[in-house]
Protein backbone atom coordinates (compact mmCIF):
# COMPACT_ATOMS: atom_id res chain seq x y z
CA ILE A 1 17.86 -14.32 15.82
CA LYS A 2 18.86 -10.79 16.72
CA ALA A 3 15.97 -8.71 18.05
CA GLY A 4 15.05 -5.90 15.69
CA SER A 5 16.78 -7.44 12.66
CA ASP A 6 15.13 -7.81 9.26
CA PHE A 7 15.68 -11.56 9.54
CA GLU A 8 13.73 -11.60 12.81
CA LEU A 9 10.86 -9.78 11.10
CA GLU A 10 10.71 -12.31 8.26
CA VAL A 11 11.02 -15.35 10.55
CA ARG A 12 8.32 -14.11 12.91
CA LEU A 13 5.93 -13.40 10.05
CA VAL A 14 6.38 -16.90 8.61
CA ARG A 15 6.34 -18.67 11.99
CA GLY A 16 3.30 -16.68 13.14
CA THR A 17 1.36 -17.57 10.00
CA THR A 18 2.35 -21.22 10.31
CA SER A 19 1.47 -21.37 14.00
CA ALA A 20 -1.91 -19.69 13.42
CA ASN A 21 -2.78 -22.39 10.88
CA ILE A 22 -1.93 -25.32 13.15
CA PRO A 23 -4.99 -26.78 14.93
CA SER A 24 -5.52 -25.36 18.43
CA ALA A 25 -5.00 -28.80 20.00
CA PHE A 26 -1.27 -28.34 19.35
CA GLY A 27 -1.14 -25.17 21.44
CA ARG A 28 0.66 -22.89 18.98
CA GLY A 29 -1.73 -19.94 19.38
CA GLY A 30 0.49 -18.21 21.91
CA VAL A 31 3.46 -18.42 19.55
CA ALA A 32 1.36 -16.93 16.74
CA ILE A 33 0.18 -14.04 18.90
CA SER A 34 3.69 -13.32 20.16
CA ASP A 35 5.09 -13.39 16.63
CA PHE A 36 2.43 -11.15 15.11
CA LYS A 37 2.75 -8.63 17.96
CA ALA A 38 6.53 -8.59 17.42
CA VAL A 39 6.03 -8.03 13.68
CA VAL A 40 3.58 -5.16 14.20
CA ARG A 41 5.87 -3.52 16.78
CA HIS A 42 9.03 -4.05 14.72
CA PRO A 43 10.79 -0.77 13.82
CA ARG A 44 10.66 -1.69 10.12
CA PHE A 45 7.03 -2.85 10.03
CA ALA A 46 6.04 0.17 7.93
CA GLU A 47 8.58 -0.88 5.30
CA LEU A 48 6.88 -4.21 4.67
CA SER A 49 4.66 -4.52 1.62
CA PRO A 50 1.02 -3.56 2.21
CA GLU A 51 0.07 -7.22 1.74
CA HIS A 52 2.44 -8.38 4.49
CA ARG A 53 1.40 -5.60 6.90
CA ALA A 54 -2.28 -6.36 6.35
CA THR A 55 -1.68 -10.09 6.70
CA ALA A 56 0.09 -9.68 10.05
CA LEU A 57 -2.66 -7.41 11.38
CA ALA A 58 -5.44 -9.66 10.09
CA TRP A 59 -3.88 -12.75 11.70
CA LEU A 60 -3.51 -10.83 14.95
CA ALA A 61 -7.21 -9.96 14.61
CA ALA A 62 -8.07 -13.61 14.03
CA MET A 63 -6.08 -14.69 17.09
CA SER A 64 -7.80 -12.00 19.18
CA ARG A 65 -11.18 -13.24 17.91
CA ARG A 66 -10.27 -16.80 18.93
CA GLN A 67 -9.61 -15.51 22.44
CA GLY A 68 -12.98 -13.76 22.61
CA GLN A 69 -11.51 -10.26 22.30
CA GLU A 70 -14.02 -9.07 19.72
CA ALA A 71 -13.44 -5.32 20.05
CA GLU A 72 -9.68 -5.73 19.60
CA ALA A 73 -10.25 -8.14 16.72
CA GLU A 74 -12.52 -5.67 14.95
CA ARG A 75 -10.04 -2.81 15.45
CA LEU A 76 -7.16 -4.85 14.04
CA GLN A 77 -9.26 -6.19 11.14
CA HIS A 78 -10.34 -2.65 10.22
CA GLU A 79 -6.70 -1.50 10.30
CA ALA A 80 -5.67 -4.45 8.10
CA GLU A 81 -8.46 -3.76 5.59
CA ALA A 82 -7.41 -0.10 5.36
CA ILE A 83 -3.94 -1.24 4.27
CA ASP A 84 -4.82 -4.09 1.87
CA PRO A 85 -8.47 -5.15 1.79
CA ALA A 86 -7.89 -8.29 -0.28
CA ALA A 87 -5.12 -9.64 1.96
CA ALA A 88 -7.11 -8.88 5.11
CA ARG A 89 -10.22 -10.62 3.78
CA ARG A 90 -8.21 -13.69 2.71
CA VAL A 91 -6.98 -14.18 6.27
CA LYS A 92 -10.45 -13.64 7.74
CA GLU A 93 -12.01 -16.13 5.29
CA GLN A 94 -9.24 -18.65 5.89
CA ASP A 95 -9.78 -18.44 9.65
CA ALA A 96 -13.59 -18.73 9.41
């Protein structure tokens, strides 16, 4: 997958979401974090739908919360809710 491509953006969003939903015993949390960070830093992140941007940020918040990084989790969750409150809340509720 070519770095910076639209295909990379889509694959990382799907893989990150999938990895975040796999039980922690399987050790996919690092993959999820890496993928969501890559999505948020992608040059075309702003072109994603509000739902997809908020979902990526909310999952990154959830992963930060799992690692005990509460301040970072709250910052990311607030950013996600400012973009699409419903999508951000769905992720937070799903991760609860």
